[in-house]
C-alpha atoms as a PDB file:
ATOM      1  CA  MET A   1     -10.957 -17.982   1.319  1.00  0.00           C
ATOM      2  CA  LYS A   2      -8.357 -17.327   4.049  1.00  0.00           C
ATOM      3  CA  ILE A   3      -6.684 -13.992   4.692  1.00  0.00           C
ATOM      4  CA  LYS A   4      -3.785 -13.359   7.045  1.00  0.00           C
ATOM      5  CA  LEU A   5      -3.655  -9.911   8.594  1.00  0.00           C
ATOM      6  CA  TRP A   6      -0.849  -9.231  11.025  1.00  0.00           C
ATOM      7  CA  LYS A   7      -0.659 -12.300  13.270  1.00  0.00           C
ATOM      8  CA  ALA A   8      -4.354 -13.155  13.049  1.00  0.00           C
ATOM      9  CA  GLU A   9      -5.936 -15.344  10.429  1.00  0.00           C
ATOM     10  CA  ILE A  10      -9.341 -14.311   9.178  1.00  0.00           C
ATOM     11  CA  ILE A  11     -11.496 -16.791   7.313  1.00  0.00           C
ATOM     12  CA  LEU A  12     -14.059 -15.382   4.906  1.00  0.00           C
ATOM     13  CA  GLU A  13     -16.591 -17.810   3.523  1.00  0.00           C
ATOM     14  CA  VAL A  14     -17.633 -16.688   0.067  1.00  0.00           C
ATOM     15  CA  ASN A  15     -19.217 -18.791  -2.629  1.00  0.00           C
ATOM     16  CA  SER A  16     -17.565 -17.859  -5.930  1.00  0.00           C
ATOM     17  CA  GLU A  17     -20.920 -18.264  -7.680  1.00  0.00           C
ATOM     18  CA  GLU A  18     -22.344 -15.445  -5.523  1.00  0.00           C
ATOM     19  CA  LEU A  19     -19.711 -12.998  -6.777  1.00  0.00           C
ATOM     20  CA  LYS A  20     -20.813 -11.503 -10.054  1.00  0.00           C
ATOM     21  CA  PRO A  21     -18.158  -9.871 -12.260  1.00  0.00           C
ATOM     22  CA  CYS A  22     -17.765  -6.114 -11.708  1.00  0.00           C
ATOM     23  CA  GLU A  23     -20.096  -6.121  -8.669  1.00  0.00           C
ATOM     24  CA  GLY A  24     -18.723  -5.769  -5.171  1.00  0.00           C
ATOM     25  CA  LYS A  25     -19.933  -7.430  -2.000  1.00  0.00           C
ATOM     26  CA  ILE A  26     -19.432  -6.477   1.655  1.00  0.00           C
ATOM     27  CA  ILE A  27     -18.855  -9.383   4.033  1.00  0.00           C
ATOM     28  CA  PRO A  28     -18.629  -8.990   7.837  1.00  0.00           C
ATOM     29  CA  SER A  29     -16.301 -11.195   9.877  1.00  0.00           C
ATOM     30  CA  TRP A  30     -15.878 -11.364  13.670  1.00  0.00           C
ATOM     31  CA  SER A  31     -12.565 -10.068  14.992  1.00  0.00           C
ATOM     32  CA  TYR A  32     -11.467 -11.193  18.446  1.00  0.00           C
ATOM     33  CA  ARG A  33      -8.692  -8.615  18.354  1.00  0.00           C
ATOM     34  CA  LYS A  34     -11.153  -5.714  17.990  1.00  0.00           C
ATOM     35  CA  MET A  35     -14.067  -7.564  19.643  1.00  0.00           C
ATOM     36  CA  LYS A  36     -16.456  -6.523  16.897  1.00  0.00           C
ATOM     37  CA  ASN A  37     -17.386  -7.317  13.303  1.00  0.00           C
ATOM     38  CA  VAL A  38     -14.899  -6.135  10.701  1.00  0.00           C
ATOM     39  CA  LYS A  39     -16.172  -5.594   7.168  1.00  0.00           C
ATOM     40  CA  PHE A  40     -14.370  -6.578   3.986  1.00  0.00           C
ATOM     41  CA  PHE A  41     -15.184  -5.424   0.456  1.00  0.00           C
ATOM     42  CA  ILE A  42     -14.719  -8.185  -2.120  1.00  0.00           C
ATOM     43  CA  HIS A  43     -14.651  -7.390  -5.835  1.00  0.00           C
ATOM     44  CA  GLN A  44     -14.229  -9.745  -8.784  1.00  0.00           C
ATOM     45  CA  ASP A  45     -13.332  -8.230 -12.144  1.00  0.00           C
ATOM     46  CA  GLY A  46     -14.316  -9.590 -15.551  1.00  0.00           C
ATOM     47  CA  LYS A  47     -11.137 -11.699 -15.792  1.00  0.00           C
ATOM     48  CA  GLY A  48     -11.860 -13.519 -12.515  1.00  0.00           C
ATOM     49  CA  ASN A  49      -9.297 -11.669 -10.368  1.00  0.00           C
ATOM     50  CA  VAL A  50     -10.515 -11.133  -6.793  1.00  0.00           C
ATOM     51  CA  LYS A  51      -9.550  -8.088  -4.716  1.00  0.00           C
ATOM     52  CA  ILE A  52     -10.214  -7.846  -0.992  1.00  0.00           C
ATOM     53  CA  LYS A  53     -10.137  -4.566   0.944  1.00  0.00           C
ATOM     54  CA  LYS A  54     -10.729  -4.034   4.660  1.00  0.00           C
ATOM     55  CA  ILE A  55     -13.298  -1.321   5.417  1.00  0.00           C
ATOM     56  CA  GLY A  56     -12.860   0.898   8.445  1.00  0.00           C
END
């Protein structure tokens, strides 16, 4: 799964089988811009729609 934020491209590797419906998962990803891990909250609803939200 690829996400573009501002000018940077962030690649999150998530296996769709690991995401259970109506259960969220927090995935860290390294950010060279901030020079630290940035966390993303990934949620899949019962219909299969995926929402991604940046934490902090």
